Amino acid sequence: MKIAYIFLLVLTLTNEQIFLSDGKDEERDQLQVEYFTNTGPDGQSILSYPRQLSDDRKHGIIVWGPGGGTAPSAYEGIIRRLASHGFVVIALSVSPGDASKAIESLNWLSEKNNRNGDPLFGKLNMEAVGCSGHSMGGLESEQAIIKDSRVKTAILNNSGDLGHTAMGYVPADRPISIVYGNNGMERPNAEADYGNSAVKAPACLIMMDGADYGHGSGPWDGMAATIAWFRWHLGGEIYRKADFVGSNGKYINGPIIGHAGNWKGQCKNF
């Protein structure tokens, strides 16, 4: 009960003035977006956000981490999808896996939020931050939610701690999830990280099953789960809990829309 109370309190605090697109379908892009390459603190990142920023509600932030050896431009589809739902997205140039790039990028966005004349001046809620990423980008996200109090939730794509212990360090008021493929090389790490008995955070483990879903499945075929997760945990769409938690829901045993197979999800500590 204590965890649930803290979780609801955090939702209340972080969702004040958060903007989301009126269109709620996570399977589709919703708003037109701006998309900037060669930007960010190192000049090699990608920044995307709705073309029309809100005048009366602040925008939540998503930090996206690319997989090892993969440029952020490879994830243009999910970057644009996230931005089209109302988020300001910073895609890292590289994911070292220790949260250093994620934290550096959040500091850069904070400076833009405070800089008079910047397009993002006063538009960001720096306490409504989510992290996600593919493979090494997932490890970067997991470390960011552990190390930076601005990060309120994370969803890892085809990832999981190699030591199988990191999720046990995620604070009890910060929900975290892993989306992975039934045939992905990340599967043992994802399942062992989630299965660690020290995990106290609200956590979900969501497998893409019933087809050959490998190491690249999450950011492309499974991007809808990431969008829905952030609309729930940053955007305050509480009704989405039923899609993830329980015995029957879209990301528990529903079909993977537009692709073969089904979601196979489980959660704990909710």
C-alpha atoms as a PDB file:
ATOM      1  CA  MET A   1       0.000   0.000   0.000  1.00  0.00           C
ATOM      2  CA  LYS A   2       2.857   2.368   0.816  1.00  0.00           C
ATOM      3  CA  ILE A   3       4.434   1.895  -2.622  1.00  0.00           C
ATOM      4  CA  ALA A   4       1.082   2.473  -4.328  1.00  0.00           C
ATOM      5  CA  TYR A   5       0.524   5.665  -2.326  1.00  0.00           C
ATOM      6  CA  ILE A   6       3.979   7.046  -3.167  1.00  0.00           C
ATOM      7  CA  PHE A   7       3.489   6.123  -6.829  1.00  0.00           C
ATOM      8  CA  LEU A   8       0.160   7.957  -7.060  1.00  0.00           C
ATOM      9  CA  LEU A   9       1.653  10.969  -5.279  1.00  0.00           C
ATOM     10  CA  VAL A  10       4.517  11.133  -7.780  1.00  0.00           C
ATOM     11  CA  LEU A  11       2.035  10.902 -10.660  1.00  0.00           C
ATOM     12  CA  THR A  12       0.071  13.814  -9.215  1.00  0.00           C
ATOM     13  CA  LEU A  13       3.163  15.960  -8.804  1.00  0.00           C
ATOM     14  CA  THR A  14       4.749  15.236 -12.187  1.00  0.00           C
ATOM     15  CA  ASN A  15       1.632  15.408 -14.353  1.00  0.00           C
ATOM     16  CA  GLU A  16       0.655  18.975 -13.492  1.00  0.00           C
ATOM     17  CA  GLN A  17       0.526  20.898 -16.777  1.00  0.00           C
ATOM     18  CA  ILE A  18       1.845  18.006 -18.854  1.00  0.00           C
ATOM     19  CA  PHE A  19       0.732  18.295 -22.486  1.00  0.00           C
ATOM     20  CA  LEU A  20      -0.377  15.244 -24.466  1.00  0.00           C
ATOM     21  CA  SER A  21      -1.867  15.029 -27.939  1.00  0.00           C
ATOM     22  CA  ASP A  22      -5.635  14.689 -28.049  1.00  0.00           C
ATOM     23  CA  GLY A  23      -5.157  11.665 -30.296  1.00  0.00           C
ATOM     24  CA  LYS A  24      -4.429   8.767 -27.955  1.00  0.00           C
ATOM     25  CA  ASP A  25      -3.733   5.880 -30.361  1.00  0.00           C
ATOM     26  CA  GLU A  26      -0.165   4.754 -29.634  1.00  0.00           C
ATOM     27  CA  GLU A  27      -0.065   2.859 -32.934  1.00  0.00           C
ATOM     28  CA  ARG A  28      -0.065   6.159 -34.865  1.00  0.00           C
ATOM     29  CA  ASP A  29       1.767   9.462 -35.096  1.00  0.00           C
ATOM     30  CA  GLN A  30      -0.499  12.240 -33.835  1.00  0.00           C
ATOM     31  CA  LEU A  31       0.961  15.742 -34.218  1.00  0.00           C
ATOM     32  CA  GLN A  32       3.355  17.275 -36.716  1.00  0.00           C
ATOM     33  CA  VAL A  33       6.820  17.575 -35.216  1.00  0.00           C
ATOM     34  CA  GLU A  34      10.083  19.437 -35.509  1.00  0.00           C
ATOM     35  CA  TYR A  35      13.115  17.186 -35.992  1.00  0.00           C
ATOM     36  CA  PHE A  36      16.644  18.508 -35.541  1.00  0.00           C
ATOM     37  CA  THR A  37      19.826  16.524 -36.132  1.00  0.00           C
ATOM     38  CA  ASN A  38      23.387  17.353 -35.049  1.00  0.00           C
ATOM     39  CA  THR A  39      22.293  19.099 -31.889  1.00  0.00           C
ATOM     40  CA  GLY A  40      22.341  18.483 -28.149  1.00  0.00           C
ATOM     41  CA  PRO A  41      25.245  19.044 -25.764  1.00  0.00           C
ATOM     42  CA  ASP A  42      27.717  17.262 -28.052  1.00  0.00           C
ATOM     43  CA  GLY A  43      26.334  18.448 -31.398  1.00  0.00           C
ATOM     44  CA  GLN A  44      25.605  14.863 -32.449  1.00  0.00           C
ATOM     45  CA  SER A  45      22.221  14.213 -30.858  1.00  0.00           C
ATOM     46  CA  ILE A  46      18.664  14.520 -32.190  1.00  0.00           C
ATOM     47  CA  LEU A  47      15.966  16.783 -30.758  1.00  0.00           C
ATOM     48  CA  SER A  48      12.282  16.457 -31.668  1.00  0.00           C
ATOM     49  CA  TYR A  49       9.099  18.015 -30.305  1.00  0.00           C
ATOM     50  CA  PRO A  50       5.609  19.047 -31.454  1.00  0.00           C
ATOM     51  CA  ARG A  51       5.660  21.775 -34.090  1.00  0.00           C
ATOM     52  CA  GLN A  52       3.009  23.631 -32.092  1.00  0.00           C
ATOM     53  CA  LEU A  53       4.138  23.750 -28.463  1.00  0.00           C
ATOM     54  CA  SER A  54       1.509  24.250 -25.798  1.00  0.00           C
ATOM     55  CA  ASP A  55       0.872  27.721 -24.377  1.00  0.00           C
ATOM     56  CA  ASP A  56      -0.801  26.552 -21.177  1.00  0.00           C
ATOM     57  CA  ARG A  57       0.713  23.158 -20.329  1.00  0.00           C
ATOM     58  CA  LYS A  58       4.332  22.129 -20.043  1.00  0.00           C
ATOM     59  CA  HIS A  59       5.788  19.224 -21.986  1.00  0.00           C
ATOM     60  CA  GLY A  60       7.198  16.037 -20.552  1.00  0.00           C
ATOM     61  CA  ILE A  61      10.642  14.886 -21.652  1.00  0.00           C
ATOM     62  CA  ILE A  62      11.857  11.582 -23.076  1.00  0.00           C
ATOM     63  CA  VAL A  63      15.551  10.694 -23.283  1.00  0.00           C
ATOM     64  CA  TRP A  64      16.157   8.026 -25.934  1.00  0.00           C
ATOM     65  CA  GLY A  65      19.368   5.990 -25.969  1.00  0.00           C
ATOM     66  CA  PRO A  66      20.586   4.202 -29.128  1.00  0.00           C
ATOM     67  CA  GLY A  67      22.011   0.707 -29.119  1.00  0.00           C
ATOM     68  CA  GLY A  68      25.750   0.168 -29.125  1.00  0.00           C
ATOM     69  CA  GLY A  69      27.325   1.116 -32.450  1.00  0.00           C
ATOM     70  CA  THR A  70      24.009   2.441 -33.783  1.00  0.00           C
ATOM     71  CA  ALA A  71      23.408   6.075 -34.712  1.00  0.00           C
ATOM     72  CA  PRO A  72      20.365   7.810 -33.187  1.00  0.00           C
ATOM     73  CA  SER A  73      19.060   8.434 -36.702  1.00  0.00           C
ATOM     74  CA  ALA A  74      18.264   4.704 -36.956  1.00  0.00           C
ATOM     75  CA  TYR A  75      15.437   5.302 -34.468  1.00  0.00           C
ATOM     76  CA  GLU A  76      13.747   8.156 -36.323  1.00  0.00           C
ATOM     77  CA  GLY A  77      10.405   6.342 -36.311  1.00  0.00           C
ATOM     78  CA  ILE A  78      10.068   6.043 -32.538  1.00  0.00           C
ATOM     79  CA  ILE A  79      11.615   9.472 -31.928  1.00  0.00           C
ATOM     80  CA  ARG A  80       9.010  11.099 -34.157  1.00  0.00           C
ATOM     81  CA  ARG A  81       6.215   8.964 -32.693  1.00  0.00           C
ATOM     82  CA  LEU A  82       7.081  10.010 -29.139  1.00  0.00           C
ATOM     83  CA  ALA A  83       7.302  13.684 -30.108  1.00  0.00           C
ATOM     84  CA  SER A  84       4.015  13.490 -31.985  1.00  0.00           C
ATOM     85  CA  HIS A  85       2.272  12.451 -28.768  1.00  0.00           C
ATOM     86  CA  GLY A  86       3.403  15.658 -27.089  1.00  0.00           C
ATOM     87  CA  PHE A  87       6.814  14.878 -25.615  1.00  0.00           C
ATOM     88  CA  VAL A  88      10.097  16.701 -26.110  1.00  0.00           C
ATOM     89  CA  VAL A  89      12.561  13.988 -27.127  1.00  0.00           C
ATOM     90  CA  ILE A  90      16.345  14.112 -26.949  1.00  0.00           C
ATOM     91  CA  ALA A  91      18.010  11.126 -28.638  1.00  0.00           C
ATOM     92  CA  LEU A  92      21.566  10.603 -27.451  1.00  0.00           C
ATOM     93  CA  SER A  93      24.486  10.333 -29.848  1.00  0.00           C
ATOM     94  CA  VAL A  94      25.763   7.298 -27.932  1.00  0.00           C
ATOM     95  CA  SER A  95      24.782   5.246 -24.883  1.00  0.00           C
ATOM     96  CA  PRO A  96      27.711   4.577 -22.532  1.00  0.00           C
ATOM     97  CA  GLY A  97      25.421   2.675 -20.167  1.00  0.00           C
ATOM     98  CA  ASP A  98      26.272   4.686 -17.040  1.00  0.00           C
ATOM     99  CA  ALA A  99      23.687   7.498 -17.360  1.00  0.00           C
ATOM    100  CA  SER A 100      26.371  10.100 -18.094  1.00  0.00           C
ATOM    101  CA  LYS A 101      25.001  11.041 -21.530  1.00  0.00           C
ATOM    102  CA  ALA A 102      21.398  11.009 -20.322  1.00  0.00           C
ATOM    103  CA  ILE A 103      22.194  13.341 -17.425  1.00  0.00           C
ATOM    104  CA  GLU A 104      24.274  15.617 -19.660  1.00  0.00           C
ATOM    105  CA  SER A 105      21.366  15.896 -22.090  1.00  0.00           C
ATOM    106  CA  LEU A 106      18.858  16.633 -19.332  1.00  0.00           C
ATOM    107  CA  ASN A 107      21.108  19.425 -18.078  1.00  0.00           C
ATOM    108  CA  TRP A 108      21.271  20.798 -21.631  1.00  0.00           C
ATOM    109  CA  LEU A 109      17.476  20.776 -21.896  1.00  0.00           C
ATOM    110  CA  SER A 110      17.206  22.466 -18.503  1.00  0.00           C
ATOM    111  CA  GLU A 111      19.434  25.288 -19.784  1.00  0.00           C
ATOM    112  CA  LYS A 112      17.217  25.690 -22.860  1.00  0.00           C
ATOM    113  CA  ASN A 113      14.133  25.738 -20.645  1.00  0.00           C
ATOM    114  CA  ASN A 114      15.644  28.628 -18.667  1.00  0.00           C
ATOM    115  CA  ARG A 115      17.077  30.597 -21.614  1.00  0.00           C
ATOM    116  CA  ASN A 116      14.900  33.519 -22.657  1.00  0.00           C
ATOM    117  CA  GLY A 117      14.343  33.461 -26.416  1.00  0.00           C
ATOM    118  CA  ASP A 118      14.921  29.730 -26.819  1.00  0.00           C
ATOM    119  CA  PRO A 119      12.014  27.900 -28.533  1.00  0.00           C
ATOM    120  CA  LEU A 120      11.792  25.670 -25.439  1.00  0.00           C
ATOM    121  CA  PHE A 121      11.952  28.533 -22.928  1.00  0.00           C
ATOM    122  CA  GLY A 122       9.495  27.786 -20.132  1.00  0.00           C
ATOM    123  CA  LYS A 123       7.964  24.868 -22.069  1.00  0.00           C
ATOM    124  CA  LEU A 124       9.437  21.915 -20.162  1.00  0.00           C
ATOM    125  CA  ASN A 125       8.522  20.170 -16.945  1.00  0.00           C
ATOM    126  CA  MET A 126      11.950  19.037 -15.800  1.00  0.00           C
ATOM    127  CA  GLU A 127      10.345  16.855 -13.138  1.00  0.00           C
ATOM    128  CA  ALA A 128       8.389  14.821 -15.718  1.00  0.00           C
ATOM    129  CA  VAL A 129      11.167  12.883 -17.416  1.00  0.00           C
ATOM    130  CA  GLY A 130      11.144   9.377 -18.840  1.00  0.00           C
ATOM    131  CA  CYS A 131      14.063   7.409 -20.237  1.00  0.00           C
ATOM    132  CA  SER A 132      14.025   4.695 -22.861  1.00  0.00           C
ATOM    133  CA  GLY A 133      16.415   3.123 -25.295  1.00  0.00           C
ATOM    134  CA  HIS A 134      17.503   0.078 -27.226  1.00  0.00           C
ATOM    135  CA  SER A 135      20.051  -2.438 -25.933  1.00  0.00           C
ATOM    136  CA  MET A 136      22.875  -0.298 -24.469  1.00  0.00           C
ATOM    137  CA  GLY A 137      20.391   2.568 -24.575  1.00  0.00           C
ATOM    138  CA  GLY A 138      18.214   0.556 -22.229  1.00  0.00           C
ATOM    139  CA  LEU A 139      21.117   0.211 -19.799  1.00  0.00           C
ATOM    140  CA  GLU A 140      21.672   3.973 -20.038  1.00  0.00           C
ATOM    141  CA  SER A 141      17.988   4.464 -19.186  1.00  0.00           C
ATOM    142  CA  GLU A 142      18.113   2.052 -16.265  1.00  0.00           C
ATOM    143  CA  GLN A 143      21.098   3.835 -14.763  1.00  0.00           C
ATOM    144  CA  ALA A 144      19.454   7.224 -15.329  1.00  0.00           C
ATOM    145  CA  ILE A 145      16.363   6.290 -13.317  1.00  0.00           C
ATOM    146  CA  ILE A 146      18.642   5.085 -10.527  1.00  0.00           C
ATOM    147  CA  LYS A 147      20.969   8.111 -10.503  1.00  0.00           C
ATOM    148  CA  ASP A 148      18.847  11.148 -11.465  1.00  0.00           C
ATOM    149  CA  SER A 149      15.774  12.123  -9.432  1.00  0.00           C
ATOM    150  CA  ARG A 150      14.302  13.992 -12.424  1.00  0.00           C
ATOM    151  CA  VAL A 151      13.734  10.650 -14.167  1.00  0.00           C
ATOM    152  CA  LYS A 152      10.362   9.325 -13.001  1.00  0.00           C
ATOM    153  CA  THR A 153      10.039   6.235 -15.191  1.00  0.00           C
ATOM    154  CA  ALA A 154      11.925   4.111 -17.712  1.00  0.00           C
ATOM    155  CA  ILE A 155      11.107   1.457 -20.300  1.00  0.00           C
ATOM    156  CA  LEU A 156      13.981  -0.560 -21.721  1.00  0.00           C
ATOM    157  CA  ASN A 157      13.793  -1.976 -25.254  1.00  0.00           C
ATOM    158  CA  ASN A 158      15.582  -5.310 -25.820  1.00  0.00           C
ATOM    159  CA  SER A 159      17.798  -4.781 -22.825  1.00  0.00           C
ATOM    160  CA  GLY A 160      18.511  -5.875 -19.269  1.00  0.00           C
ATOM    161  CA  ASP A 161      21.362  -5.585 -16.827  1.00  0.00           C
ATOM    162  CA  LEU A 162      24.244  -7.950 -17.626  1.00  0.00           C
ATOM    163  CA  GLY A 163      24.829  -8.405 -13.891  1.00  0.00           C
ATOM    164  CA  HIS A 164      21.104  -9.023 -13.311  1.00  0.00           C
ATOM    165  CA  THR A 165      21.002  -6.639 -10.350  1.00  0.00           C
ATOM    166  CA  ALA A 166      20.377  -3.075 -11.603  1.00  0.00           C
ATOM    167  CA  MET A 167      16.584  -3.125 -11.358  1.00  0.00           C
ATOM    168  CA  GLY A 168      16.981  -3.846  -7.663  1.00  0.00           C
ATOM    169  CA  TYR A 169      18.436  -0.352  -7.229  1.00  0.00           C
ATOM    170  CA  VAL A 170      15.523   1.481  -8.861  1.00  0.00           C
ATOM    171  CA  PRO A 171      13.685   3.505  -6.169  1.00  0.00           C
ATOM    172  CA  ALA A 172      10.319   2.146  -5.052  1.00  0.00           C
ATOM    173  CA  ASP A 173       8.412   5.175  -6.408  1.00  0.00           C
ATOM    174  CA  ARG A 174       9.729   4.921  -9.998  1.00  0.00           C
ATOM    175  CA  PRO A 175       8.049   2.409 -12.332  1.00  0.00           C
ATOM    176  CA  ILE A 176      10.242   0.562 -14.828  1.00  0.00           C
ATOM    177  CA  SER A 177       9.559  -1.912 -17.612  1.00  0.00           C
ATOM    178  CA  ILE A 178      11.402  -4.034 -20.155  1.00  0.00           C
ATOM    179  CA  VAL A 179      10.110  -4.865 -23.649  1.00  0.00           C
ATOM    180  CA  TYR A 180      12.036  -7.742 -25.211  1.00  0.00           C
ATOM    181  CA  GLY A 181      11.879 -10.376 -27.932  1.00  0.00           C
ATOM    182  CA  ASN A 182      11.277 -14.077 -27.453  1.00  0.00           C
ATOM    183  CA  ASN A 183      14.355 -14.856 -29.572  1.00  0.00           C
ATOM    184  CA  GLY A 184      16.459 -11.830 -28.669  1.00  0.00           C
ATOM    185  CA  MET A 185      19.937 -12.215 -27.225  1.00  0.00           C
ATOM    186  CA  GLU A 186      18.818  -9.845 -24.439  1.00  0.00           C
ATOM    187  CA  ARG A 187      16.208 -12.292 -23.127  1.00  0.00           C
ATOM    188  CA  PRO A 188      18.274 -13.908 -20.316  1.00  0.00           C
ATOM    189  CA  ASN A 189      19.398 -10.505 -19.001  1.00  0.00           C
ATOM    190  CA  ALA A 190      15.913  -9.006 -19.222  1.00  0.00           C
ATOM    191  CA  GLU A 191      14.301 -11.874 -17.360  1.00  0.00           C
ATOM    192  CA  ALA A 192      17.005 -12.138 -14.697  1.00  0.00           C
ATOM    193  CA  ASP A 193      17.066  -8.373 -14.091  1.00  0.00           C
ATOM    194  CA  TYR A 194      13.288  -8.340 -13.580  1.00  0.00           C
ATOM    195  CA  GLY A 195      13.370 -11.550 -11.579  1.00  0.00           C
ATOM    196  CA  ASN A 196      15.878 -10.230  -9.033  1.00  0.00           C
ATOM    197  CA  SER A 197      14.297 -10.599  -5.589  1.00  0.00           C
ATOM    198  CA  ALA A 198      15.626  -7.164  -4.569  1.00  0.00           C
ATOM    199  CA  VAL A 199      13.357  -5.323  -7.038  1.00  0.00           C
ATOM    200  CA  LYS A 200      11.062  -2.994  -5.078  1.00  0.00           C
ATOM    201  CA  ALA A 201       9.939  -0.656  -7.864  1.00  0.00           C
ATOM    202  CA  PRO A 202       6.671  -1.211  -9.749  1.00  0.00           C
ATOM    203  CA  ALA A 203       8.019  -3.272 -12.657  1.00  0.00           C
ATOM    204  CA  CYS A 204       6.783  -4.987 -15.818  1.00  0.00           C
ATOM    205  CA  LEU A 205       8.372  -7.559 -18.115  1.00  0.00           C
ATOM    206  CA  ILE A 206       6.782  -7.573 -21.564  1.00  0.00           C
ATOM    207  CA  MET A 207       7.773 -10.173 -24.134  1.00  0.00           C
ATOM    208  CA  MET A 208       6.983 -10.059 -27.840  1.00  0.00           C
ATOM    209  CA  ASP A 209       6.014 -13.670 -28.547  1.00  0.00           C
ATOM    210  CA  GLY A 210       4.528 -15.935 -31.212  1.00  0.00           C
ATOM    211  CA  ALA A 211       6.917 -14.931 -34.003  1.00  0.00           C
ATOM    212  CA  ASP A 212      10.659 -14.517 -34.440  1.00  0.00           C
ATOM    213  CA  TYR A 213      11.217 -11.377 -32.392  1.00  0.00           C
ATOM    214  CA  GLY A 214      14.920 -10.715 -32.069  1.00  0.00           C
ATOM    215  CA  HIS A 215      17.187  -8.088 -30.591  1.00  0.00           C
ATOM    216  CA  GLY A 216      15.772  -5.244 -32.676  1.00  0.00           C
ATOM    217  CA  SER A 217      12.089  -5.880 -32.073  1.00  0.00           C
ATOM    218  CA  GLY A 218      11.279  -3.327 -29.361  1.00  0.00           C
ATOM    219  CA  PRO A 219      12.058   0.031 -30.979  1.00  0.00           C
ATOM    220  CA  TRP A 220      10.358  -0.846 -34.257  1.00  0.00           C
ATOM    221  CA  ASP A 221       7.685  -3.567 -34.122  1.00  0.00           C
ATOM    222  CA  GLY A 222       6.937  -2.923 -30.457  1.00  0.00           C
ATOM    223  CA  MET A 223       7.132   0.864 -30.208  1.00  0.00           C
ATOM    224  CA  ALA A 224       3.446   1.151 -29.260  1.00  0.00           C
ATOM    225  CA  ALA A 225       4.173  -0.286 -25.802  1.00  0.00           C
ATOM    226  CA  THR A 226       6.755   2.434 -25.158  1.00  0.00           C
ATOM    227  CA  ILE A 227       4.340   5.185 -26.195  1.00  0.00           C
ATOM    228  CA  ALA A 228       1.537   3.761 -24.045  1.00  0.00           C
ATOM    229  CA  TRP A 229       3.882   3.400 -21.054  1.00  0.00           C
ATOM    230  CA  PHE A 230       4.873   7.056 -21.150  1.00  0.00           C
ATOM    231  CA  ARG A 231       1.316   8.288 -21.719  1.00  0.00           C
ATOM    232  CA  TRP A 232       0.436   6.341 -18.561  1.00  0.00           C
ATOM    233  CA  HIS A 233       3.338   7.200 -16.286  1.00  0.00           C
ATOM    234  CA  LEU A 234       4.179  10.743 -17.429  1.00  0.00           C
ATOM    235  CA  GLY A 235       0.872  11.770 -19.002  1.00  0.00           C
ATOM    236  CA  GLY A 236      -1.339  10.509 -16.201  1.00  0.00           C
ATOM    237  CA  GLU A 237      -3.609   8.309 -18.325  1.00  0.00           C
ATOM    238  CA  ILE A 238      -4.352   6.001 -15.420  1.00  0.00           C
ATOM    239  CA  TYR A 239      -6.772   3.871 -17.431  1.00  0.00           C
ATOM    240  CA  ARG A 240      -3.763   2.431 -19.274  1.00  0.00           C
ATOM    241  CA  LYS A 241      -2.805   0.487 -16.160  1.00  0.00           C
ATOM    242  CA  ALA A 242      -5.278  -2.194 -17.260  1.00  0.00           C
ATOM    243  CA  ASP A 243      -3.291  -2.618 -20.489  1.00  0.00           C
ATOM    244  CA  PHE A 244      -0.174  -3.610 -18.542  1.00  0.00           C
ATOM    245  CA  VAL A 245      -1.178  -4.885 -15.091  1.00  0.00           C
ATOM    246  CA  GLY A 246      -3.449  -7.829 -14.338  1.00  0.00           C
ATOM    247  CA  SER A 247      -4.400 -10.954 -16.237  1.00  0.00           C
ATOM    248  CA  ASN A 248      -5.966  -9.581 -19.408  1.00  0.00           C
ATOM    249  CA  GLY A 249      -4.878  -6.465 -21.251  1.00  0.00           C
ATOM    250  CA  LYS A 250      -3.347  -5.145 -24.451  1.00  0.00           C
ATOM    251  CA  TYR A 251       0.275  -5.666 -23.344  1.00  0.00           C
ATOM    252  CA  ILE A 252      -0.448  -8.711 -21.187  1.00  0.00           C
ATOM    253  CA  ASN A 253      -1.830 -11.106 -23.784  1.00  0.00           C
ATOM    254  CA  GLY A 254      -3.149  -9.008 -26.677  1.00  0.00           C
ATOM    255  CA  PRO A 255      -2.082  -9.159 -30.332  1.00  0.00           C
ATOM    256  CA  ILE A 256       0.880  -7.142 -31.561  1.00  0.00           C
ATOM    257  CA  ILE A 257      -1.091  -4.906 -33.885  1.00  0.00           C
ATOM    258  CA  GLY A 258       0.265  -4.847 -37.429  1.00  0.00           C
ATOM    259  CA  HIS A 259       2.639  -7.727 -36.745  1.00  0.00           C
ATOM    260  CA  ALA A 260       2.491 -11.450 -36.071  1.00  0.00           C
ATOM    261  CA  GLY A 261       2.278 -12.814 -32.558  1.00  0.00           C
ATOM    262  CA  ASN A 262       1.163 -11.565 -29.178  1.00  0.00           C
ATOM    263  CA  TRP A 263       2.330  -9.616 -26.176  1.00  0.00           C
ATOM    264  CA  LYS A 264       3.098 -11.695 -23.091  1.00  0.00           C
ATOM    265  CA  GLY A 265       3.369  -9.416 -20.052  1.00  0.00           C
ATOM    266  CA  GLN A 266       3.742  -9.700 -16.316  1.00  0.00           C
ATOM    267  CA  CYS A 267       4.097  -7.091 -13.580  1.00  0.00           C
ATOM    268  CA  LYS A 268       4.856  -6.856  -9.863  1.00  0.00           C
ATOM    269  CA  ASN A 269       4.811  -4.314  -7.020  1.00  0.00           C
ATOM    270  CA  PHE A 270       1.823  -2.397  -8.397  1.00  0.00           C
END
